Amino acid sequence: MTLTLNGQPREFDAATLSLESLLEKLDLAGRPVVVEHNRQPVLPADYAGVTLEDGDALEIVRIAAGG
């Protein structure tokens, strides 16, 4: 499966993948992130229910505090 992550194509060895599983693969599970899937914002409570498909585009921004 090919997904576009933050503008860059990435290959994943999976026929199907949930957004929650993707975040685990990217070591972002449980971390504060903002996710946009095909230009639509996704609430953290919905990550497990979003099934990704070949060609989907995601923007993932990690939230960091500090000054």
Protein backbone atom coordinates (compact mmCIF):
# COMPACT_ATOMS: atom_id res chain seq x y z
CA MET A 1 0.00 0.00 0.00
CA THR A 2 1.28 3.46 -0.88
CA LEU A 3 0.27 6.38 1.33
CA THR A 4 1.31 10.00 1.02
CA LEU A 5 2.51 11.20 4.43
CA ASN A 6 3.15 14.92 4.74
CA GLY A 7 3.63 15.17 0.99
CA GLN A 8 5.98 12.18 0.65
CA PRO A 9 4.98 8.74 -0.73
CA ARG A 10 5.60 5.87 1.70
CA GLU A 11 5.17 2.13 1.15
CA PHE A 12 3.61 -0.14 3.80
CA ASP A 13 3.39 -3.93 3.75
CA ALA A 14 -0.31 -4.20 4.40
CA ALA A 15 -3.44 -4.73 2.34
CA THR A 16 -5.48 -2.80 4.88
CA LEU A 17 -4.36 -0.52 7.66
CA SER A 18 -6.22 1.53 10.25
CA LEU A 19 -5.08 5.01 11.11
CA GLU A 20 -4.42 3.77 14.65
CA SER A 21 -2.13 1.01 13.30
CA LEU A 22 -0.30 3.50 11.11
CA LEU A 23 0.40 5.75 14.08
CA GLU A 24 1.76 2.72 15.94
CA LYS A 25 4.06 1.89 13.00
CA LEU A 26 5.28 5.50 12.98
CA ASP A 27 5.88 5.41 16.78
CA LEU A 28 3.26 8.12 17.27
CA ALA A 29 0.63 6.10 19.14
CA GLY A 30 -0.40 7.86 22.33
CA ARG A 31 1.48 11.02 21.42
CA PRO A 32 -0.25 14.35 20.83
CA VAL A 33 -0.76 14.63 17.07
CA VAL A 34 -3.16 16.30 14.69
CA VAL A 35 -4.18 14.15 11.71
CA GLU A 36 -5.78 15.09 8.42
CA HIS A 37 -6.93 12.21 6.19
CA ASN A 38 -7.65 13.12 2.57
CA ARG A 39 -8.00 16.78 3.63
CA GLN A 40 -10.46 15.96 6.43
CA PRO A 41 -9.53 16.34 10.11
CA VAL A 42 -9.76 13.18 12.21
CA LEU A 43 -10.56 13.21 15.92
CA PRO A 44 -8.32 11.00 18.10
CA ALA A 45 -11.36 9.00 19.21
CA ASP A 46 -11.91 8.02 15.55
CA TYR A 47 -8.37 6.78 14.73
CA ALA A 48 -9.25 3.09 15.18
CA GLY A 49 -12.27 3.38 12.90
CA VAL A 50 -10.50 5.02 9.96
CA THR A 51 -9.41 2.44 7.37
CA LEU A 52 -6.69 3.64 5.04
CA GLU A 53 -6.66 2.74 1.37
CA ASP A 54 -3.92 2.71 -1.25
CA GLY A 55 -3.34 6.27 -2.47
CA ASP A 56 -4.71 8.03 0.62
CA ALA A 57 -3.03 11.26 1.72
CA LEU A 58 -2.33 12.11 5.35
CA GLU A 59 -0.91 15.11 7.09
CA ILE A 60 0.35 14.30 10.57
CA VAL A 61 1.61 17.08 12.82
CA ARG A 62 3.13 16.33 16.20
CA ILE A 63 2.20 18.81 18.91
CA ALA A 64 5.10 19.99 21.05
CA ALA A 65 5.09 22.40 23.95
CA GLY A 66 7.93 24.71 24.77
CA GLY A 67 9.28 28.10 24.14
